Amino acid sequence: MEHIHRSIRDADVILAMFDYMKPDPALIKHTVELAAVPDKATVFVLNKVDLAEKAVDLSLYPDGTIPISARLELNLRPVGDTITAHLPEGPFLYPPDTIAEQPERFFVAELIRETIFVTMKEEIPYTTAVVVEEFIERTPKDYIDATILVDRDSQKGIMIGRNGRQLKQIGQLSRKKIEDFLGRPVYLELFVKVKRDWMKKDSELRDLGYLERK
């Protein structure tokens, strides 16, 4: 939990998302308490409202909770506008023409991970990480070797798919996104590896860059 508290302390705005299909009062109460940080704005969002069979009841949730459907891109603009309204102004921390402080391999991993979420939808839970093992700039195509980490053996089978079709689709879509981002052609190789309970181990989170090294 320490990395969660650290992330909250470091944030300018806290975004707390609830699942419409899991209206758990205890979890809602815990989330509200966790996000109650002095001098920090919290934006509450209720996702999956497109699955509602009747009018969405917001009485269980904090005042101002924004109902959305991420899948259908429903009502997302108010979320962005609310976050923007609460962001503090400050001086440039980097030169104006610097678009990011992270290396290219960080964005490559995130683009692959994004493709997994969009492609797999609810088949694979959000316990998936991507590690870029090799990134070699060369002519005519850059070479990228990346490993997709999953939590269980069953997830590995789903990720690869019948005759490797699912992994091939993820690779093709990811390659296009990476090429658009880098502005040059790439050769992408993807592998899937099981690493049990990686999200529960601080050492794994540090290796993946989700926690600062001590």
C-alpha atoms as a PDB file:
ATOM      1  CA  MET A   1       0.000   0.000   0.000  1.00  0.00           C
ATOM      2  CA  GLU A   2       2.949   2.339   0.511  1.00  0.00           C
ATOM      3  CA  HIS A   3       3.385   2.936  -3.229  1.00  0.00           C
ATOM      4  CA  ILE A   4      -0.325   3.837  -3.458  1.00  0.00           C
ATOM      5  CA  HIS A   5      -0.017   6.400  -0.665  1.00  0.00           C
ATOM      6  CA  ARG A   6       3.171   7.787  -2.238  1.00  0.00           C
ATOM      7  CA  SER A   7       1.451   8.181  -5.606  1.00  0.00           C
ATOM      8  CA  ILE A   8      -1.461   9.992  -3.972  1.00  0.00           C
ATOM      9  CA  ARG A   9       0.883  12.322  -2.100  1.00  0.00           C
ATOM     10  CA  ASP A  10       2.770  13.160  -5.301  1.00  0.00           C
ATOM     11  CA  ALA A  11      -0.346  13.743  -7.427  1.00  0.00           C
ATOM     12  CA  ASP A  12      -1.762  17.165  -8.278  1.00  0.00           C
ATOM     13  CA  VAL A  13      -5.254  15.720  -8.801  1.00  0.00           C
ATOM     14  CA  ILE A  14      -6.614  12.354  -7.637  1.00  0.00           C
ATOM     15  CA  LEU A  15      -8.831  10.352 -10.002  1.00  0.00           C
ATOM     16  CA  ALA A  16     -10.883   7.642  -8.271  1.00  0.00           C
ATOM     17  CA  MET A  17     -12.813   5.257 -10.518  1.00  0.00           C
ATOM     18  CA  PHE A  18     -15.660   2.987  -9.439  1.00  0.00           C
ATOM     19  CA  ASP A  19     -17.038  -0.016 -11.335  1.00  0.00           C
ATOM     20  CA  TYR A  20     -20.805   0.197 -11.912  1.00  0.00           C
ATOM     21  CA  MET A  21     -21.002  -3.607 -11.956  1.00  0.00           C
ATOM     22  CA  LYS A  22     -19.460  -3.850  -8.466  1.00  0.00           C
ATOM     23  CA  PRO A  23     -21.452  -1.498  -6.195  1.00  0.00           C
ATOM     24  CA  ASP A  24     -19.658  -2.433  -2.968  1.00  0.00           C
ATOM     25  CA  PRO A  25     -20.436   0.150  -0.221  1.00  0.00           C
ATOM     26  CA  ALA A  26     -17.399  -0.883   1.840  1.00  0.00           C
ATOM     27  CA  LEU A  27     -15.060  -0.493  -1.138  1.00  0.00           C
ATOM     28  CA  ILE A  28     -16.622   2.842  -2.064  1.00  0.00           C
ATOM     29  CA  LYS A  29     -16.176   4.089   1.511  1.00  0.00           C
ATOM     30  CA  HIS A  30     -12.557   2.892   1.603  1.00  0.00           C
ATOM     31  CA  THR A  31     -11.793   4.581  -1.734  1.00  0.00           C
ATOM     32  CA  VAL A  32     -13.295   7.877  -0.592  1.00  0.00           C
ATOM     33  CA  GLU A  33     -11.278   7.756   2.638  1.00  0.00           C
ATOM     34  CA  LEU A  34      -8.088   6.882   0.749  1.00  0.00           C
ATOM     35  CA  ALA A  35      -8.581   9.825  -1.611  1.00  0.00           C
ATOM     36  CA  ALA A  36      -9.363  12.296   1.186  1.00  0.00           C
ATOM     37  CA  VAL A  37      -6.052  14.171   1.132  1.00  0.00           C
ATOM     38  CA  PRO A  38      -5.935  17.782   2.390  1.00  0.00           C
ATOM     39  CA  ASP A  39      -5.468  20.439  -0.296  1.00  0.00           C
ATOM     40  CA  LYS A  40      -5.886  17.936  -3.156  1.00  0.00           C
ATOM     41  CA  ALA A  41      -8.880  17.759  -5.473  1.00  0.00           C
ATOM     42  CA  THR A  42     -10.422  14.355  -6.160  1.00  0.00           C
ATOM     43  CA  VAL A  43     -12.414  13.537  -9.291  1.00  0.00           C
ATOM     44  CA  PHE A  44     -14.776  10.586  -8.799  1.00  0.00           C
ATOM     45  CA  VAL A  45     -15.793   8.587 -11.871  1.00  0.00           C
ATOM     46  CA  LEU A  46     -18.296   5.724 -12.264  1.00  0.00           C
ATOM     47  CA  ASN A  47     -17.378   3.524 -15.237  1.00  0.00           C
ATOM     48  CA  LYS A  48     -19.403   0.941 -17.242  1.00  0.00           C
ATOM     49  CA  VAL A  49     -22.712   2.815 -17.008  1.00  0.00           C
ATOM     50  CA  ASP A  50     -23.467   1.556 -20.523  1.00  0.00           C
ATOM     51  CA  LEU A  51     -24.241  -1.798 -18.881  1.00  0.00           C
ATOM     52  CA  ALA A  52     -27.029  -0.313 -16.759  1.00  0.00           C
ATOM     53  CA  GLU A  53     -30.448  -1.807 -17.456  1.00  0.00           C
ATOM     54  CA  LYS A  54     -32.203   1.168 -15.855  1.00  0.00           C
ATOM     55  CA  ALA A  55     -31.404   4.718 -14.793  1.00  0.00           C
ATOM     56  CA  VAL A  56     -28.012   4.909 -13.086  1.00  0.00           C
ATOM     57  CA  ASP A  57     -28.311   5.393  -9.319  1.00  0.00           C
ATOM     58  CA  LEU A  58     -25.528   7.669  -8.077  1.00  0.00           C
ATOM     59  CA  SER A  59     -26.735   7.758  -4.473  1.00  0.00           C
ATOM     60  CA  LEU A  60     -24.060   5.259  -3.363  1.00  0.00           C
ATOM     61  CA  TYR A  61     -21.275   7.473  -4.658  1.00  0.00           C
ATOM     62  CA  PRO A  62     -19.791  10.824  -3.591  1.00  0.00           C
ATOM     63  CA  ASP A  63     -21.440  14.038  -4.756  1.00  0.00           C
ATOM     64  CA  GLY A  64     -20.200  15.095  -8.166  1.00  0.00           C
ATOM     65  CA  THR A  65     -19.360  11.565  -9.351  1.00  0.00           C
ATOM     66  CA  ILE A  66     -19.229  11.562 -13.156  1.00  0.00           C
ATOM     67  CA  PRO A  67     -20.910   8.563 -14.871  1.00  0.00           C
ATOM     68  CA  ILE A  68     -18.976   7.373 -17.943  1.00  0.00           C
ATOM     69  CA  SER A  69     -18.448   4.498 -20.343  1.00  0.00           C
ATOM     70  CA  ALA A  70     -14.778   4.181 -21.268  1.00  0.00           C
ATOM     71  CA  ARG A  71     -15.638   1.471 -23.804  1.00  0.00           C
ATOM     72  CA  LEU A  72     -18.138   3.686 -25.645  1.00  0.00           C
ATOM     73  CA  GLU A  73     -16.178   6.895 -24.896  1.00  0.00           C
ATOM     74  CA  LEU A  74     -19.323   8.264 -23.258  1.00  0.00           C
ATOM     75  CA  ASN A  75     -19.143  11.444 -21.159  1.00  0.00           C
ATOM     76  CA  LEU A  76     -15.332  11.525 -21.094  1.00  0.00           C
ATOM     77  CA  ARG A  77     -14.967  15.229 -21.846  1.00  0.00           C
ATOM     78  CA  PRO A  78     -16.353  16.342 -18.441  1.00  0.00           C
ATOM     79  CA  VAL A  79     -13.721  14.147 -16.787  1.00  0.00           C
ATOM     80  CA  GLY A  80     -10.899  15.814 -18.697  1.00  0.00           C
ATOM     81  CA  ASP A  81     -12.350  19.275 -18.158  1.00  0.00           C
ATOM     82  CA  THR A  82     -12.711  18.683 -14.409  1.00  0.00           C
ATOM     83  CA  ILE A  83      -9.142  17.403 -14.079  1.00  0.00           C
ATOM     84  CA  THR A  84      -7.813  20.352 -16.085  1.00  0.00           C
ATOM     85  CA  ALA A  85      -9.732  22.824 -13.938  1.00  0.00           C
ATOM     86  CA  HIS A  86      -8.014  21.521 -10.791  1.00  0.00           C
ATOM     87  CA  LEU A  87      -4.463  21.308 -12.153  1.00  0.00           C
ATOM     88  CA  PRO A  88      -2.199  23.992 -10.666  1.00  0.00           C
ATOM     89  CA  GLU A  89      -0.258  26.317 -12.918  1.00  0.00           C
ATOM     90  CA  GLY A  90       3.505  26.298 -12.623  1.00  0.00           C
ATOM     91  CA  PRO A  91       6.745  27.115 -14.415  1.00  0.00           C
ATOM     92  CA  PHE A  92       8.199  24.920 -17.158  1.00  0.00           C
ATOM     93  CA  LEU A  93      10.299  22.154 -15.605  1.00  0.00           C
ATOM     94  CA  TYR A  94      11.856  21.338 -18.988  1.00  0.00           C
ATOM     95  CA  PRO A  95      12.504  23.268 -22.206  1.00  0.00           C
ATOM     96  CA  PRO A  96       9.227  24.029 -24.049  1.00  0.00           C
ATOM     97  CA  ASP A  97      10.170  21.777 -26.987  1.00  0.00           C
ATOM     98  CA  THR A  98      10.745  18.739 -24.722  1.00  0.00           C
ATOM     99  CA  ILE A  99       7.646  16.542 -24.964  1.00  0.00           C
ATOM    100  CA  ALA A 100       8.656  13.965 -22.326  1.00  0.00           C
ATOM    101  CA  GLU A 101      11.351  13.055 -19.823  1.00  0.00           C
ATOM    102  CA  GLN A 102      10.977   9.293 -20.334  1.00  0.00           C
ATOM    103  CA  PRO A 103      13.097   7.349 -22.855  1.00  0.00           C
ATOM    104  CA  GLU A 104      11.568   5.951 -26.029  1.00  0.00           C
ATOM    105  CA  ARG A 105      11.485   2.386 -24.682  1.00  0.00           C
ATOM    106  CA  PHE A 106       9.118   3.534 -21.903  1.00  0.00           C
ATOM    107  CA  PHE A 107       6.584   4.736 -24.473  1.00  0.00           C
ATOM    108  CA  VAL A 108       7.058   1.596 -26.558  1.00  0.00           C
ATOM    109  CA  ALA A 109       6.131  -0.532 -23.533  1.00  0.00           C
ATOM    110  CA  GLU A 110       3.106   1.650 -22.764  1.00  0.00           C
ATOM    111  CA  LEU A 111       1.871   1.501 -26.369  1.00  0.00           C
ATOM    112  CA  ILE A 112       2.041  -2.302 -26.315  1.00  0.00           C
ATOM    113  CA  ARG A 113       0.263  -2.378 -22.953  1.00  0.00           C
ATOM    114  CA  GLU A 114      -2.447  -0.037 -24.242  1.00  0.00           C
ATOM    115  CA  THR A 115      -2.962  -2.312 -27.246  1.00  0.00           C
ATOM    116  CA  ILE A 116      -3.370  -5.317 -24.935  1.00  0.00           C
ATOM    117  CA  PHE A 117      -6.089  -3.572 -22.915  1.00  0.00           C
ATOM    118  CA  VAL A 118      -7.980  -2.422 -26.005  1.00  0.00           C
ATOM    119  CA  THR A 119      -7.659  -5.769 -27.794  1.00  0.00           C
ATOM    120  CA  MET A 120      -8.271  -8.144 -24.891  1.00  0.00           C
ATOM    121  CA  LYS A 121     -10.941  -6.035 -23.156  1.00  0.00           C
ATOM    122  CA  GLU A 122     -12.077  -8.007 -20.073  1.00  0.00           C
ATOM    123  CA  GLU A 123     -10.400 -11.304 -20.982  1.00  0.00           C
ATOM    124  CA  ILE A 124      -7.142 -10.226 -19.353  1.00  0.00           C
ATOM    125  CA  PRO A 125      -7.246  -8.321 -16.035  1.00  0.00           C
ATOM    126  CA  TYR A 126      -5.135  -5.259 -15.461  1.00  0.00           C
ATOM    127  CA  THR A 127      -2.278  -7.341 -14.059  1.00  0.00           C
ATOM    128  CA  THR A 128      -0.299  -7.133 -17.273  1.00  0.00           C
ATOM    129  CA  ALA A 129       3.078  -5.451 -17.677  1.00  0.00           C
ATOM    130  CA  VAL A 130       5.403  -5.030 -20.639  1.00  0.00           C
ATOM    131  CA  VAL A 131       9.208  -5.111 -20.486  1.00  0.00           C
ATOM    132  CA  VAL A 132      11.280  -3.944 -23.450  1.00  0.00           C
ATOM    133  CA  GLU A 133      14.222  -6.351 -23.393  1.00  0.00           C
ATOM    134  CA  GLU A 134      16.050  -4.915 -26.413  1.00  0.00           C
ATOM    135  CA  PHE A 135      15.702  -1.715 -28.423  1.00  0.00           C
ATOM    136  CA  ILE A 136      18.255  -1.436 -31.220  1.00  0.00           C
ATOM    137  CA  GLU A 137      18.208   1.462 -33.655  1.00  0.00           C
ATOM    138  CA  ARG A 138      19.319   0.184 -37.035  1.00  0.00           C
ATOM    139  CA  THR A 139      18.684   0.447 -40.775  1.00  0.00           C
ATOM    140  CA  PRO A 140      16.233  -0.172 -42.377  1.00  0.00           C
ATOM    141  CA  LYS A 141      14.143  -1.019 -39.279  1.00  0.00           C
ATOM    142  CA  ASP A 142      14.667  -0.622 -35.542  1.00  0.00           C
ATOM    143  CA  TYR A 143      14.609  -3.932 -33.648  1.00  0.00           C
ATOM    144  CA  ILE A 144      12.410  -4.210 -30.543  1.00  0.00           C
ATOM    145  CA  ASP A 145      12.176  -7.315 -28.358  1.00  0.00           C
ATOM    146  CA  ALA A 146       9.451  -7.065 -25.689  1.00  0.00           C
ATOM    147  CA  THR A 147       8.051  -9.451 -23.078  1.00  0.00           C
ATOM    148  CA  ILE A 148       4.443  -9.355 -21.877  1.00  0.00           C
ATOM    149  CA  LEU A 149       4.159 -10.372 -18.221  1.00  0.00           C
ATOM    150  CA  VAL A 150       0.974 -12.033 -16.978  1.00  0.00           C
ATOM    151  CA  ASP A 151      -0.040 -13.359 -13.578  1.00  0.00           C
ATOM    152  CA  ARG A 152      -1.199 -16.904 -14.378  1.00  0.00           C
ATOM    153  CA  ASP A 153      -0.654 -19.719 -16.885  1.00  0.00           C
ATOM    154  CA  SER A 154      -4.257 -19.462 -18.079  1.00  0.00           C
ATOM    155  CA  GLN A 155      -3.705 -15.793 -18.952  1.00  0.00           C
ATOM    156  CA  LYS A 156      -0.686 -16.727 -21.043  1.00  0.00           C
ATOM    157  CA  GLY A 157      -2.798 -19.074 -23.157  1.00  0.00           C
ATOM    158  CA  ILE A 158      -5.463 -16.429 -23.692  1.00  0.00           C
ATOM    159  CA  MET A 159      -2.846 -13.812 -24.558  1.00  0.00           C
ATOM    160  CA  ILE A 160      -1.245 -16.033 -27.202  1.00  0.00           C
ATOM    161  CA  GLY A 161      -4.559 -17.301 -28.572  1.00  0.00           C
ATOM    162  CA  ARG A 162      -5.307 -20.171 -30.903  1.00  0.00           C
ATOM    163  CA  ASN A 163      -2.290 -20.797 -33.147  1.00  0.00           C
ATOM    164  CA  GLY A 164      -0.794 -17.543 -31.862  1.00  0.00           C
ATOM    165  CA  ARG A 165      -3.445 -15.395 -33.544  1.00  0.00           C
ATOM    166  CA  GLN A 166      -4.157 -13.139 -30.563  1.00  0.00           C
ATOM    167  CA  LEU A 167      -0.493 -12.345 -29.962  1.00  0.00           C
ATOM    168  CA  LYS A 168       0.003 -11.739 -33.675  1.00  0.00           C
ATOM    169  CA  GLN A 169      -2.851  -9.213 -33.694  1.00  0.00           C
ATOM    170  CA  ILE A 170      -1.433  -7.439 -30.636  1.00  0.00           C
ATOM    171  CA  GLY A 171       1.959  -7.311 -32.337  1.00  0.00           C
ATOM    172  CA  GLN A 172       0.610  -5.902 -35.589  1.00  0.00           C
ATOM    173  CA  LEU A 173      -1.445  -3.183 -33.890  1.00  0.00           C
ATOM    174  CA  SER A 174       1.383  -2.317 -31.491  1.00  0.00           C
ATOM    175  CA  ARG A 175       3.923  -2.071 -34.305  1.00  0.00           C
ATOM    176  CA  LYS A 176       1.738   0.435 -36.165  1.00  0.00           C
ATOM    177  CA  LYS A 177       1.367   2.593 -33.031  1.00  0.00           C
ATOM    178  CA  ILE A 178       5.092   2.443 -32.302  1.00  0.00           C
ATOM    179  CA  GLU A 179       5.991   3.384 -35.875  1.00  0.00           C
ATOM    180  CA  ASP A 180       3.581   6.327 -35.749  1.00  0.00           C
ATOM    181  CA  PHE A 181       5.141   7.452 -32.456  1.00  0.00           C
ATOM    182  CA  LEU A 182       8.777   7.038 -33.500  1.00  0.00           C
ATOM    183  CA  GLY A 183       8.279   8.187 -37.071  1.00  0.00           C
ATOM    184  CA  ARG A 184      10.280   5.264 -38.469  1.00  0.00           C
ATOM    185  CA  PRO A 185       9.738   1.550 -39.260  1.00  0.00           C
ATOM    186  CA  VAL A 186      10.337  -1.109 -36.607  1.00  0.00           C
ATOM    187  CA  TYR A 187      10.579  -4.887 -36.370  1.00  0.00           C
ATOM    188  CA  LEU A 188       8.728  -5.992 -33.225  1.00  0.00           C
ATOM    189  CA  GLU A 189       9.006  -9.364 -31.497  1.00  0.00           C
ATOM    190  CA  LEU A 190       6.648 -10.191 -28.628  1.00  0.00           C
ATOM    191  CA  PHE A 191       6.880 -12.970 -26.051  1.00  0.00           C
ATOM    192  CA  VAL A 192       4.584 -13.859 -23.127  1.00  0.00           C
ATOM    193  CA  LYS A 193       5.935 -14.850 -19.719  1.00  0.00           C
ATOM    194  CA  VAL A 194       4.194 -15.840 -16.474  1.00  0.00           C
ATOM    195  CA  LYS A 195       5.438 -13.981 -13.393  1.00  0.00           C
ATOM    196  CA  ARG A 196       3.133 -14.823 -10.520  1.00  0.00           C
ATOM    197  CA  ASP A 197       1.963 -12.083  -8.138  1.00  0.00           C
ATOM    198  CA  TRP A 198       4.336  -9.520  -9.636  1.00  0.00           C
ATOM    199  CA  MET A 199       2.019  -6.684  -8.581  1.00  0.00           C
ATOM    200  CA  LYS A 200       2.323  -7.728  -4.925  1.00  0.00           C
ATOM    201  CA  LYS A 201       6.127  -7.672  -4.821  1.00  0.00           C
ATOM    202  CA  ASP A 202       7.945  -4.385  -4.303  1.00  0.00           C
ATOM    203  CA  SER A 203      11.087  -5.798  -5.927  1.00  0.00           C
ATOM    204  CA  GLU A 204       9.175  -6.559  -9.132  1.00  0.00           C
ATOM    205  CA  LEU A 205       7.476  -3.156  -9.094  1.00  0.00           C
ATOM    206  CA  ARG A 206      10.877  -1.470  -8.762  1.00  0.00           C
ATOM    207  CA  ASP A 207      12.324  -3.507 -11.630  1.00  0.00           C
ATOM    208  CA  LEU A 208       9.384  -2.462 -13.806  1.00  0.00           C
ATOM    209  CA  GLY A 209       9.752   1.201 -12.849  1.00  0.00           C
ATOM    210  CA  TYR A 210       6.503   1.491 -10.895  1.00  0.00           C
ATOM    211  CA  LEU A 211       8.348   2.130  -7.613  1.00  0.00           C
ATOM    212  CA  GLU A 212      11.423   4.206  -6.902  1.00  0.00           C
ATOM    213  CA  ARG A 213      14.546   2.292  -5.987  1.00  0.00           C
ATOM    214  CA  LYS A 214      15.703   2.713  -2.409  1.00  0.00           C
END
